[in-house]
Amino acid sequence: MQSSAIESQVTIGYEEKADSHHHAHPDHRMFGLVLFLIAESMIFFGLFSAYMIYYATMPEWPMGDIELELLLPSVNTFILVSSSFVMHKGQSCIRNNDVKGLQLWFAITAIMGIIFLGGQVYEYAHTGFGLNDNLFASCFYVLTGFHGLHVTAGLIFILAVLWRSRKEGHYSASKHFGVEASELYWHFVDVVWIILFVLVYILPLS
């Protein structure tokens, strides 16, 4: 009996020590994500720099008879930028322990992301030029395609948050790293698209 009580106290003491040891370590997950986004930013910076060099040195830009439609990309831009504000509503909800609100706003964000990708696919089908037609065409598909890949990754991230939020208590006001990380990534995708939109669609018109 006495031996059992001693073992119980030792076990409890060990668990408390383990918990305190666990909480003593800082959470570097967000720092890691920020480093990852900085690395991704460098890739986009290189692509944008190459595009600007071509724009500044080529006698004609866009080349040939290429004319980009502005209406659809403008609508896509509005949808993607608006989705960031919608997504932020979801994070605000989980800070108040409102999981249903999180699910609602993240689901709307996912739908907006799908619409954006659908618009991009539609644009590809109606551009009238291919990847290998000329230098501008190659830049267009590489830049928009690489960004579309990031939107797809962000969409998967959002869907993962929605799936995991089905488990009661998985996200709360004090525990929602996945929500914050997905929102930060989505904002990054938005900012990159705004720069891309200005360089690829607006700048050639000047």
N, C-alpha and C. Protein backbone atom coordinates (compact mmCIF):
# COMPACT_ATOMS: atom_id res chain seq x y z
N MET A 1 0.84 -1.20 0.00
CA MET A 1 0.00 0.00 0.00
C MET A 1 0.88 1.26 0.00
N GLN A 2 1.86 1.27 0.94
CA GLN A 2 2.77 2.40 1.03
C GLN A 2 3.62 2.50 -0.23
N SER A 3 4.04 1.33 -0.75
CA SER A 3 4.83 1.29 -1.98
C SER A 3 4.05 1.86 -3.15
N SER A 4 2.77 1.53 -3.23
CA SER A 4 1.91 2.02 -4.30
C SER A 4 1.77 3.53 -4.23
N ALA A 5 1.62 4.06 -3.03
CA ALA A 5 1.48 5.51 -2.86
C ALA A 5 2.75 6.23 -3.28
N ILE A 6 3.90 5.64 -2.93
CA ILE A 6 5.18 6.25 -3.31
C ILE A 6 5.35 6.27 -4.82
N GLU A 7 5.00 5.14 -5.48
CA GLU A 7 5.10 5.06 -6.93
C GLU A 7 4.18 6.08 -7.61
N SER A 8 2.99 6.27 -7.01
CA SER A 8 2.04 7.24 -7.56
C SER A 8 2.60 8.65 -7.47
N GLN A 9 3.22 8.97 -6.33
CA GLN A 9 3.79 10.29 -6.16
C GLN A 9 4.96 10.52 -7.12
N VAL A 10 5.77 9.48 -7.30
CA VAL A 10 6.91 9.58 -8.22
C VAL A 10 6.42 9.82 -9.64
N THR A 11 5.35 9.08 -10.02
CA THR A 11 4.79 9.22 -11.37
C THR A 11 4.25 10.62 -11.60
N ILE A 12 3.50 11.12 -10.61
CA ILE A 12 2.93 12.47 -10.74
C ILE A 12 4.05 13.51 -10.82
N GLY A 13 5.07 13.33 -9.97
CA GLY A 13 6.18 14.25 -10.00
C GLY A 13 6.91 14.24 -11.33
N TYR A 14 7.06 13.05 -11.91
CA TYR A 14 7.73 12.93 -13.21
C TYR A 14 6.92 13.61 -14.30
N GLU A 15 5.58 13.41 -14.27
CA GLU A 15 4.72 14.02 -15.29
C GLU A 15 4.75 15.54 -15.19
N GLU A 16 4.71 16.06 -13.96
CA GLU A 16 4.77 17.50 -13.79
C GLU A 16 6.09 18.06 -14.29
N LYS A 17 7.17 17.34 -14.01
CA LYS A 17 8.49 17.77 -14.48
C LYS A 17 8.56 17.73 -15.99
N ALA A 18 7.99 16.70 -16.60
CA ALA A 18 7.99 16.58 -18.06
C ALA A 18 7.19 17.71 -18.70
N ASP A 19 6.03 18.03 -18.07
CA ASP A 19 5.20 19.11 -18.61
C ASP A 19 5.92 20.44 -18.52
N SER A 20 6.57 20.70 -17.39
CA SER A 20 7.28 21.97 -17.23
C SER A 20 8.47 22.04 -18.17
N HIS A 21 9.11 20.90 -18.40
CA HIS A 21 10.23 20.85 -19.33
C HIS A 21 9.76 21.12 -20.75
N HIS A 22 8.57 20.59 -21.09
CA HIS A 22 8.01 20.79 -22.43
C HIS A 22 7.66 22.26 -22.65
N HIS A 23 7.04 22.88 -21.65
CA HIS A 23 6.63 24.27 -21.80
C HIS A 23 7.81 25.23 -21.72
N ALA A 24 8.93 24.75 -21.20
CA ALA A 24 10.10 25.62 -21.09
C ALA A 24 10.73 25.89 -22.44
N HIS A 25 10.48 25.03 -23.41
CA HIS A 25 11.03 25.22 -24.74
C HIS A 25 10.15 26.18 -25.54
N PRO A 26 10.73 27.23 -26.12
CA PRO A 26 9.93 28.17 -26.92
C PRO A 26 9.45 27.50 -28.21
N ASP A 27 8.34 27.98 -28.71
CA ASP A 27 7.75 27.45 -29.93
C ASP A 27 8.34 28.19 -31.13
N HIS A 28 9.14 27.50 -31.93
CA HIS A 28 9.81 28.12 -33.07
C HIS A 28 9.11 27.83 -34.39
N ARG A 29 7.90 27.30 -34.34
CA ARG A 29 7.22 26.95 -35.58
C ARG A 29 6.93 28.16 -36.46
N MET A 30 6.45 29.23 -35.85
CA MET A 30 6.15 30.44 -36.63
C MET A 30 7.43 31.04 -37.20
N PHE A 31 8.50 31.00 -36.41
CA PHE A 31 9.79 31.50 -36.89
C PHE A 31 10.25 30.70 -38.11
N GLY A 32 10.05 29.39 -38.05
CA GLY A 32 10.41 28.54 -39.18
C GLY A 32 9.59 28.87 -40.41
N LEU A 33 8.30 29.13 -40.22
CA LEU A 33 7.45 29.49 -41.35
C LEU A 33 7.88 30.82 -41.97
N VAL A 34 8.22 31.77 -41.12
CA VAL A 34 8.67 33.08 -41.61
C VAL A 34 9.95 32.92 -42.43
N LEU A 35 10.88 32.09 -41.96
CA LEU A 35 12.11 31.84 -42.72
C LEU A 35 11.79 31.20 -44.07
N PHE A 36 10.84 30.27 -44.07
CA PHE A 36 10.42 29.63 -45.33
C PHE A 36 9.84 30.66 -46.29
N LEU A 37 9.02 31.56 -45.80
CA LEU A 37 8.41 32.58 -46.66
C LEU A 37 9.45 33.57 -47.18
N ILE A 38 10.46 33.85 -46.36
CA ILE A 38 11.55 34.71 -46.83
C ILE A 38 12.28 34.03 -47.99
N ALA A 39 12.52 32.72 -47.85
CA ALA A 39 13.19 31.98 -48.92
C ALA A 39 12.34 31.99 -50.19
N GLU A 40 11.03 31.79 -50.03
CA GLU A 40 10.13 31.84 -51.18
C GLU A 40 10.11 33.23 -51.81
N SER A 41 10.19 34.25 -50.97
CA SER A 41 10.23 35.62 -51.47
C SER A 41 11.44 35.87 -52.34
N MET A 42 12.57 35.27 -51.97
CA MET A 42 13.79 35.41 -52.75
C MET A 42 13.63 34.79 -54.14
N ILE A 43 12.92 33.68 -54.20
CA ILE A 43 12.67 33.04 -55.50
C ILE A 43 11.83 33.95 -56.38
N PHE A 44 10.75 34.49 -55.81
CA PHE A 44 9.90 35.40 -56.57
C PHE A 44 10.65 36.67 -56.95
N PHE A 45 11.51 37.13 -56.05
CA PHE A 45 12.30 38.32 -56.34
C PHE A 45 13.20 38.07 -57.56
N GLY A 46 13.79 36.89 -57.62
CA GLY A 46 14.63 36.55 -58.78
C GLY A 46 13.83 36.51 -60.06
N LEU A 47 12.64 35.93 -60.00
CA LEU A 47 11.78 35.85 -61.19
C LEU A 47 11.32 37.24 -61.63
N PHE A 48 10.93 38.06 -60.67
CA PHE A 48 10.49 39.42 -61.00
C PHE A 48 11.65 40.25 -61.55
N SER A 49 12.83 40.05 -61.00
CA SER A 49 14.00 40.79 -61.48
C SER A 49 14.32 40.42 -62.93
N ALA A 50 14.27 39.13 -63.23
CA ALA A 50 14.51 38.69 -64.61
C ALA A 50 13.47 39.28 -65.55
N TYR A 51 12.22 39.29 -65.11
CA TYR A 51 11.15 39.85 -65.93
C TYR A 51 11.40 41.33 -66.20
N MET A 52 11.81 42.07 -65.18
CA MET A 52 12.05 43.51 -65.35
C MET A 52 13.24 43.78 -66.26
N ILE A 53 14.22 42.90 -66.21
CA ILE A 53 15.38 43.06 -67.12
C ILE A 53 14.93 42.87 -68.56
N TYR A 54 14.12 41.85 -68.79
CA TYR A 54 13.59 41.64 -70.14
C TYR A 54 12.73 42.82 -70.58
N TYR A 55 11.92 43.31 -69.67
CA TYR A 55 11.03 44.44 -70.00
C TYR A 55 11.85 45.68 -70.38
N ALA A 56 12.96 45.90 -69.68
CA ALA A 56 13.77 47.10 -69.91
C ALA A 56 14.66 46.99 -71.15
N THR A 57 15.02 45.78 -71.54
CA THR A 57 15.99 45.61 -72.64
C THR A 57 15.36 45.21 -73.97
N MET A 58 14.19 44.62 -73.94
CA MET A 58 13.56 44.18 -75.18
C MET A 58 12.92 45.36 -75.90
N PRO A 59 13.08 45.43 -77.22
CA PRO A 59 12.48 46.55 -77.96
C PRO A 59 10.96 46.50 -78.00
N GLU A 60 10.40 45.32 -77.81
CA GLU A 60 8.94 45.17 -77.84
C GLU A 60 8.50 44.28 -76.69
N TRP A 61 7.52 44.76 -75.91
CA TRP A 61 7.03 43.99 -74.76
C TRP A 61 5.59 44.36 -74.46
N PRO A 62 4.66 43.43 -74.55
CA PRO A 62 4.79 42.02 -74.95
C PRO A 62 5.20 41.87 -76.41
N MET A 63 5.71 40.72 -76.73
CA MET A 63 6.21 40.46 -78.07
C MET A 63 5.08 40.03 -78.99
N GLY A 64 5.28 40.33 -80.29
CA GLY A 64 4.31 39.89 -81.30
C GLY A 64 2.96 40.57 -81.12
N ASP A 65 1.92 39.81 -81.35
CA ASP A 65 0.57 40.36 -81.26
C ASP A 65 -0.13 39.93 -79.97
N ILE A 66 0.63 39.64 -78.94
CA ILE A 66 0.05 39.21 -77.66
C ILE A 66 -0.64 40.38 -76.97
N GLU A 67 -1.90 40.18 -76.61
CA GLU A 67 -2.65 41.16 -75.84
C GLU A 67 -3.34 40.43 -74.69
N LEU A 68 -3.00 40.81 -73.49
CA LEU A 68 -3.59 40.17 -72.33
C LEU A 68 -4.92 40.83 -71.97
N GLU A 69 -5.90 39.99 -71.65
CA GLU A 69 -7.18 40.51 -71.18
C GLU A 69 -7.00 41.04 -69.76
N LEU A 70 -7.59 42.16 -69.46
CA LEU A 70 -7.41 42.78 -68.16
C LEU A 70 -8.59 42.54 -67.22
N LEU A 71 -9.77 42.30 -67.77
CA LEU A 71 -10.97 42.17 -66.94
C LEU A 71 -10.90 40.97 -66.00
N LEU A 72 -10.64 39.79 -66.56
CA LEU A 72 -10.60 38.58 -65.74
C LEU A 72 -9.52 38.63 -64.67
N PRO A 73 -8.28 39.01 -65.01
CA PRO A 73 -7.26 39.12 -63.96
C PRO A 73 -7.61 40.15 -62.88
N SER A 74 -8.30 41.22 -63.28
CA SER A 74 -8.72 42.23 -62.29
C SER A 74 -9.74 41.64 -61.33
N VAL A 75 -10.69 40.89 -61.87
CA VAL A 75 -11.69 40.23 -61.02
C VAL A 75 -11.00 39.22 -60.11
N ASN A 76 -10.07 38.47 -60.67
CA ASN A 76 -9.31 37.50 -59.88
C ASN A 76 -8.54 38.18 -58.75
N THR A 77 -7.97 39.34 -59.06
CA THR A 77 -7.22 40.09 -58.05
C THR A 77 -8.14 40.51 -56.91
N PHE A 78 -9.32 41.01 -57.27
CA PHE A 78 -10.29 41.42 -56.25
C PHE A 78 -10.69 40.24 -55.37
N ILE A 79 -10.91 39.09 -55.99
CA ILE A 79 -11.31 37.89 -55.24
C ILE A 79 -10.21 37.46 -54.28
N LEU A 80 -8.97 37.42 -54.77
CA LEU A 80 -7.87 36.93 -53.94
C LEU A 80 -7.58 37.88 -52.78
N VAL A 81 -7.54 39.18 -53.08
CA VAL A 81 -7.26 40.15 -52.02
C VAL A 81 -8.39 40.15 -50.99
N SER A 82 -9.62 40.07 -51.46
CA SER A 82 -10.77 40.04 -50.54
C SER A 82 -10.73 38.80 -49.64
N SER A 83 -10.22 37.70 -50.19
CA SER A 83 -10.18 36.46 -49.42
C SER A 83 -9.29 36.58 -48.19
N SER A 84 -8.30 37.47 -48.24
CA SER A 84 -7.44 37.67 -47.07
C SER A 84 -8.23 38.26 -45.91
N PHE A 85 -9.11 39.22 -46.23
CA PHE A 85 -9.94 39.82 -45.19
C PHE A 85 -10.95 38.81 -44.64
N VAL A 86 -11.47 37.98 -45.54
CA VAL A 86 -12.40 36.93 -45.12
C VAL A 86 -11.70 35.95 -44.18
N MET A 87 -10.48 35.58 -44.55
CA MET A 87 -9.72 34.64 -43.74
C MET A 87 -9.40 35.21 -42.37
N HIS A 88 -9.11 36.50 -42.32
CA HIS A 88 -8.80 37.12 -41.04
C HIS A 88 -10.00 37.07 -40.10
N LYS A 89 -11.19 37.11 -40.68
CA LYS A 89 -12.39 36.97 -39.85
C LYS A 89 -12.39 35.61 -39.14
N GLY A 90 -11.93 34.59 -39.85
CA GLY A 90 -11.86 33.27 -39.26
C GLY A 90 -10.90 33.21 -38.10
N GLN A 91 -9.74 33.87 -38.26
CA GLN A 91 -8.78 33.87 -37.15
C GLN A 91 -9.33 34.65 -35.96
N SER A 92 -10.06 35.73 -36.22
CA SER A 92 -10.66 36.49 -35.14
C SER A 92 -11.67 35.64 -34.37
N CYS A 93 -12.37 34.78 -35.09
CA CYS A 93 -13.36 33.90 -34.45
C CYS A 93 -12.68 32.90 -33.51
N ILE A 94 -11.59 32.29 -33.96
CA ILE A 94 -10.96 31.27 -33.11
C ILE A 94 -10.31 31.92 -31.90
N ARG A 95 -9.94 33.17 -31.99
CA ARG A 95 -9.40 33.87 -30.81
C ARG A 95 -10.47 34.05 -29.74
N ASN A 96 -11.72 33.93 -30.18
CA ASN A 96 -12.84 33.99 -29.23
C ASN A 96 -13.46 32.61 -29.00
N ASN A 97 -12.69 31.57 -29.33
CA ASN A 97 -13.14 30.18 -29.16
C ASN A 97 -14.38 29.84 -30.00
N ASP A 98 -14.55 30.55 -31.10
CA ASP A 98 -15.68 30.31 -31.99
C ASP A 98 -15.23 29.42 -33.15
N VAL A 99 -15.28 28.12 -32.96
CA VAL A 99 -14.81 27.18 -33.98
C VAL A 99 -15.73 27.20 -35.19
N LYS A 100 -17.02 27.32 -34.97
CA LYS A 100 -17.98 27.37 -36.08
C LYS A 100 -17.72 28.57 -36.97
N GLY A 101 -17.42 29.70 -36.36
CA GLY A 101 -17.07 30.89 -37.14
C GLY A 101 -15.80 30.68 -37.95
N LEU A 102 -14.81 30.05 -37.31
CA LEU A 102 -13.57 29.72 -38.02
C LEU A 102 -13.87 28.87 -39.25
N GLN A 103 -14.66 27.84 -39.08
CA GLN A 103 -14.99 26.94 -40.17
C GLN A 103 -15.73 27.66 -41.29
N LEU A 104 -16.65 28.54 -40.93
CA LEU A 104 -17.42 29.28 -41.93
C LEU A 104 -16.53 30.17 -42.78
N TRP A 105 -15.72 31.01 -42.13
CA TRP A 105 -14.90 31.96 -42.87
C TRP A 105 -13.77 31.29 -43.64
N PHE A 106 -13.22 30.22 -43.09
CA PHE A 106 -12.18 29.49 -43.82
C PHE A 106 -12.77 28.74 -45.01
N ALA A 107 -13.99 28.25 -44.87
CA ALA A 107 -14.64 27.59 -46.01
C ALA A 107 -14.90 28.59 -47.13
N ILE A 108 -15.33 29.80 -46.78
CA ILE A 108 -15.55 30.84 -47.79
C ILE A 108 -14.23 31.20 -48.46
N THR A 109 -13.16 31.29 -47.67
CA THR A 109 -11.83 31.58 -48.23
C THR A 109 -11.40 30.49 -49.21
N ALA A 110 -11.66 29.24 -48.85
CA ALA A 110 -11.31 28.13 -49.74
C ALA A 110 -12.07 28.22 -51.05
N ILE A 111 -13.34 28.56 -50.98
CA ILE A 111 -14.15 28.70 -52.19
C ILE A 111 -13.61 29.83 -53.07
N MET A 112 -13.23 30.93 -52.45
CA MET A 112 -12.66 32.06 -53.20
C MET A 112 -11.33 31.66 -53.85
N GLY A 113 -10.54 30.86 -53.14
CA GLY A 113 -9.28 30.37 -53.72
C GLY A 113 -9.52 29.47 -54.91
N ILE A 114 -10.53 28.62 -54.82
CA ILE A 114 -10.88 27.73 -55.93
C ILE A 114 -11.36 28.54 -57.13
N ILE A 115 -12.15 29.58 -56.87
CA ILE A 115 -12.63 30.45 -57.96
C ILE A 115 -11.45 31.14 -58.64
N PHE A 116 -10.48 31.59 -57.83
CA PHE A 116 -9.29 32.24 -58.40
C PHE A 116 -8.55 31.28 -59.32
N LEU A 117 -8.33 30.06 -58.87
CA LEU A 117 -7.62 29.08 -59.69
C LEU A 117 -8.42 28.73 -60.94
N GLY A 118 -9.74 28.64 -60.79
CA GLY A 118 -10.59 28.38 -61.95
C GLY A 118 -10.49 29.49 -62.98
N GLY A 119 -10.43 30.73 -62.50
CA GLY A 119 -10.27 31.86 -63.41
C GLY A 119 -8.93 31.83 -64.12
N GLN A 120 -7.91 31.38 -63.42
CA GLN A 120 -6.59 31.29 -64.04
C GLN A 120 -6.56 30.20 -65.11
N VAL A 121 -7.19 29.08 -64.82
CA VAL A 121 -7.26 28.01 -65.82
C VAL A 121 -8.04 28.47 -67.05
N TYR A 122 -9.12 29.20 -66.82
CA TYR A 122 -9.92 29.73 -67.94
C TYR A 122 -9.07 30.69 -68.77
N GLU A 123 -8.28 31.53 -68.09
CA GLU A 123 -7.42 32.47 -68.81
C GLU A 123 -6.40 31.72 -69.66
N TYR A 124 -5.80 30.68 -69.10
CA TYR A 124 -4.83 29.89 -69.86
C TYR A 124 -5.46 29.31 -71.13
N ALA A 125 -6.71 28.89 -71.02
CA ALA A 125 -7.38 28.25 -72.15
C ALA A 125 -7.75 29.25 -73.24
N HIS A 126 -7.70 30.54 -72.93
CA HIS A 126 -8.13 31.54 -73.91
C HIS A 126 -7.08 32.62 -74.18
N THR A 127 -5.83 32.38 -73.80
CA THR A 127 -4.79 33.38 -74.05
C THR A 127 -4.46 33.52 -75.53
N GLY A 128 -4.49 32.41 -76.25
CA GLY A 128 -4.14 32.46 -77.67
C GLY A 128 -2.66 32.31 -77.93
N PHE A 129 -1.86 32.08 -76.89
CA PHE A 129 -0.43 31.84 -77.08
C PHE A 129 0.03 30.76 -76.12
N GLY A 130 1.13 30.11 -76.48
CA GLY A 130 1.63 29.00 -75.69
C GLY A 130 2.91 29.34 -74.95
N LEU A 131 3.36 28.41 -74.13
CA LEU A 131 4.54 28.61 -73.30
C LEU A 131 5.79 28.92 -74.12
N ASN A 132 5.93 28.30 -75.28
CA ASN A 132 7.15 28.42 -76.08
C ASN A 132 7.04 29.39 -77.25
N ASP A 133 5.98 30.19 -77.29
CA ASP A 133 5.80 31.09 -78.44
C ASP A 133 6.85 32.18 -78.49
N ASN A 134 7.14 32.82 -77.35
CA ASN A 134 8.19 33.83 -77.29
C ASN A 134 8.58 34.06 -75.83
N LEU A 135 9.47 34.99 -75.60
CA LEU A 135 10.00 35.21 -74.25
C LEU A 135 8.92 35.71 -73.29
N PHE A 136 8.08 36.62 -73.77
CA PHE A 136 7.02 37.12 -72.89
C PHE A 136 6.06 36.01 -72.49
N ALA A 137 5.70 35.17 -73.45
CA ALA A 137 4.79 34.06 -73.17
C ALA A 137 5.38 33.14 -72.11
N SER A 138 6.68 32.86 -72.22
CA SER A 138 7.34 32.00 -71.24
C SER A 138 7.32 32.64 -69.85
N CYS A 139 7.61 33.95 -69.80
CA CYS A 139 7.59 34.66 -68.51
C CYS A 139 6.18 34.65 -67.91
N PHE A 140 5.19 34.86 -68.76
CA PHE A 140 3.81 34.89 -68.29
C PHE A 140 3.42 33.57 -67.64
N TYR A 141 3.68 32.48 -68.32
CA TYR A 141 3.27 31.18 -67.79
C TYR A 141 4.10 30.76 -66.57
N VAL A 142 5.37 31.10 -66.57
CA VAL A 142 6.22 30.74 -65.42
C VAL A 142 5.78 31.50 -64.17
N LEU A 143 5.59 32.80 -64.32
CA LEU A 143 5.22 33.63 -63.16
C LEU A 143 3.83 33.28 -62.63
N THR A 144 2.85 33.27 -63.51
CA THR A 144 1.48 32.98 -63.06
C THR A 144 1.33 31.52 -62.63
N GLY A 145 2.03 30.63 -63.31
CA GLY A 145 1.96 29.21 -62.95
C GLY A 145 2.60 28.93 -61.61
N PHE A 146 3.76 29.54 -61.35
CA PHE A 146 4.45 29.35 -60.08
C PHE A 146 3.62 29.92 -58.93
N HIS A 147 3.00 31.07 -59.20
CA HIS A 147 2.13 31.65 -58.17
C HIS A 147 0.90 30.76 -57.97
N GLY A 148 0.33 30.26 -59.06
CA GLY A 148 -0.82 29.37 -58.94
C GLY A 148 -0.50 28.13 -58.12
N LEU A 149 0.72 27.65 -58.24
CA LEU A 149 1.16 26.51 -57.43
C LEU A 149 1.13 26.86 -55.94
N HIS A 150 1.52 28.08 -55.62
CA HIS A 150 1.50 28.52 -54.22
C HIS A 150 0.06 28.71 -53.72
N VAL A 151 -0.81 29.19 -54.60
CA VAL A 151 -2.22 29.30 -54.22
C VAL A 151 -2.79 27.91 -53.92
N THR A 152 -2.43 26.94 -54.75
CA THR A 152 -2.89 25.57 -54.53
C THR A 152 -2.40 25.04 -53.19
N ALA A 153 -1.13 25.31 -52.87
CA ALA A 153 -0.58 24.88 -51.58
C ALA A 153 -1.32 25.56 -50.43
N GLY A 154 -1.60 26.85 -50.58
CA GLY A 154 -2.35 27.57 -49.55
C GLY A 154 -3.75 27.02 -49.38
N LEU A 155 -4.36 26.63 -50.50
CA LEU A 155 -5.70 26.06 -50.46
C LEU A 155 -5.70 24.72 -49.71
N ILE A 156 -4.68 23.92 -49.95
CA ILE A 156 -4.54 22.65 -49.22
C ILE A 156 -4.36 22.91 -47.73
N PHE A 157 -3.59 23.93 -47.41
CA PHE A 157 -3.36 24.33 -46.02
C PHE A 157 -4.69 24.69 -45.35
N ILE A 158 -5.50 25.47 -46.05
CA ILE A 158 -6.80 25.89 -45.50
C ILE A 158 -7.72 24.69 -45.31
N LEU A 159 -7.75 23.80 -46.28
CA LEU A 159 -8.60 22.61 -46.18
C LEU A 159 -8.13 21.71 -45.04
N ALA A 160 -6.82 21.68 -44.80
CA ALA A 160 -6.29 20.89 -43.69
C ALA A 160 -6.76 21.46 -42.35
N VAL A 161 -6.77 22.80 -42.26
CA VAL A 161 -7.27 23.44 -41.03
C VAL A 161 -8.74 23.11 -40.83
N LEU A 162 -9.52 23.17 -41.90
CA LEU A 162 -10.94 22.85 -41.80
C LEU A 162 -11.14 21.40 -41.35
N TRP A 163 -10.36 20.50 -41.91
CA TRP A 163 -10.49 19.09 -41.56
C TRP A 163 -10.13 18.84 -40.08
N ARG A 164 -9.06 19.45 -39.64
CA ARG A 164 -8.61 19.24 -38.26
C ARG A 164 -9.52 19.95 -37.24
N SER A 165 -10.20 20.98 -37.70
CA SER A 165 -11.10 21.70 -36.79
C SER A 165 -12.33 20.88 -36.44
N ARG A 166 -12.54 19.78 -37.17
CA ARG A 166 -13.67 18.90 -36.86
C ARG A 166 -13.50 18.23 -35.50
N LYS A 167 -12.26 18.05 -35.09
CA LYS A 167 -11.98 17.43 -33.79
C LYS A 167 -12.18 18.44 -32.68
N GLU A 168 -13.03 18.14 -31.76
CA GLU A 168 -13.35 19.06 -30.68
C GLU A 168 -12.11 19.39 -29.85
N GLY A 169 -11.89 20.68 -29.67
CA GLY A 169 -10.77 21.13 -28.87
C GLY A 169 -9.44 21.21 -29.61
N HIS A 170 -9.43 20.87 -30.89
CA HIS A 170 -8.15 20.91 -31.61
C HIS A 170 -7.66 22.35 -31.75
N TYR A 171 -8.58 23.27 -32.04
CA TYR A 171 -8.24 24.69 -32.08
C TYR A 171 -9.02 25.42 -31.00
N SER A 172 -8.36 26.38 -30.37
CA SER A 172 -8.99 27.17 -29.33
C SER A 172 -8.33 28.54 -29.30
N ALA A 173 -8.78 29.38 -28.38
CA ALA A 173 -8.22 30.72 -28.27
C ALA A 173 -6.74 30.69 -27.92
N SER A 174 -6.32 29.65 -27.22
CA SER A 174 -4.93 29.55 -26.79
C SER A 174 -4.10 28.58 -27.63
N LYS A 175 -4.74 27.88 -28.56
CA LYS A 175 -4.02 26.89 -29.36
C LYS A 175 -4.57 26.90 -30.79
N HIS A 176 -3.92 27.68 -31.66
CA HIS A 176 -4.40 27.78 -33.04
C HIS A 176 -3.26 28.13 -34.00
N PHE A 177 -2.12 27.47 -33.80
CA PHE A 177 -0.97 27.76 -34.68
C PHE A 177 -1.31 27.50 -36.15
N GLY A 178 -2.00 26.41 -36.44
CA GLY A 178 -2.34 26.08 -37.82
C GLY A 178 -3.15 27.17 -38.48
N VAL A 179 -4.03 27.80 -37.72
CA VAL A 179 -4.86 28.90 -38.25
C VAL A 179 -3.98 30.10 -38.58
N GLU A 180 -3.11 30.47 -37.66
CA GLU A 180 -2.23 31.62 -37.87
C GLU A 180 -1.26 31.38 -39.02
N ALA A 181 -0.73 30.16 -39.09
CA ALA A 181 0.25 29.84 -40.14
C ALA A 181 -0.40 29.89 -41.52
N SER A 182 -1.60 29.32 -41.64
CA SER A 182 -2.28 29.32 -42.93
C SER A 182 -2.65 30.73 -43.35
N GLU A 183 -3.03 31.57 -42.38
CA GLU A 183 -3.37 32.96 -42.71
C GLU A 183 -2.13 33.72 -43.18
N LEU A 184 -1.02 33.55 -42.49
CA LEU A 184 0.22 34.23 -42.89
C LEU A 184 0.63 33.81 -44.29
N TYR A 185 0.54 32.53 -44.57
CA TYR A 185 0.92 32.03 -45.90
C TYR A 185 -0.01 32.62 -46.96
N TRP A 186 -1.30 32.69 -46.65
CA TRP A 186 -2.27 33.21 -47.62
C TRP A 186 -2.03 34.70 -47.89
N HIS A 187 -1.67 35.45 -46.86
CA HIS A 187 -1.34 36.87 -47.06
C HIS A 187 -0.11 37.01 -47.96
N PHE A 188 0.85 36.13 -47.76
CA PHE A 188 2.05 36.13 -48.60
C PHE A 188 1.67 35.91 -50.06
N VAL A 189 0.81 34.95 -50.32
CA VAL A 189 0.35 34.66 -51.68
C VAL A 189 -0.35 35.87 -52.28
N ASP A 190 -1.13 36.56 -51.47
CA ASP A 190 -1.84 37.76 -51.94
C ASP A 190 -0.87 38.87 -52.35
N VAL A 191 0.10 39.13 -51.50
CA VAL A 191 1.06 40.20 -51.78
C VAL A 191 1.84 39.91 -53.05
N VAL A 192 2.26 38.67 -53.21
CA VAL A 192 2.99 38.28 -54.42
C VAL A 192 2.12 38.50 -55.66
N TRP A 193 0.84 38.14 -55.55
CA TRP A 193 -0.04 38.30 -56.71
C TRP A 193 -0.22 39.78 -57.09
N ILE A 194 -0.32 40.65 -56.10
CA ILE A 194 -0.48 42.08 -56.39
C ILE A 194 0.73 42.59 -57.18
N ILE A 195 1.91 42.21 -56.75
CA ILE A 195 3.13 42.60 -57.48
C ILE A 195 3.12 42.02 -58.88
N LEU A 196 2.77 40.74 -58.99
CA LEU A 196 2.72 40.07 -60.28
C LEU A 196 1.70 40.73 -61.21
N PHE A 197 0.55 41.07 -60.68
CA PHE A 197 -0.50 41.69 -61.47
C PHE A 197 -0.03 43.03 -62.05
N VAL A 198 0.64 43.82 -61.23
CA VAL A 198 1.13 45.12 -61.69
C VAL A 198 2.19 44.95 -62.77
N LEU A 199 3.13 44.03 -62.57
CA LEU A 199 4.23 43.85 -63.52
C LEU A 199 3.78 43.23 -64.83
N VAL A 200 2.96 42.21 -64.76
CA VAL A 200 2.61 41.44 -65.96
C VAL A 200 1.44 42.04 -66.71
N TYR A 201 0.45 42.57 -66.00
CA TYR A 201 -0.77 43.04 -66.66
C TYR A 201 -0.84 44.56 -66.83
N ILE A 202 -0.35 45.31 -65.84
CA ILE A 202 -0.49 46.76 -65.88
C ILE A 202 0.72 47.44 -66.56
N LEU A 203 1.93 47.02 -66.17
CA LEU A 203 3.14 47.67 -66.67
C LEU A 203 3.25 47.65 -68.20
N PRO A 204 2.94 46.56 -68.89
CA PRO A 204 3.05 46.58 -70.36
C PRO A 204 2.10 47.57 -71.03
N LEU A 205 1.08 48.03 -70.33
CA LEU A 205 0.14 48.97 -70.91
C LEU A 205 0.69 50.40 -70.92
N SER A 206 1.70 50.65 -70.10
CA SER A 206 2.25 52.00 -70.00
C SER A 206 3.15 52.36 -71.17
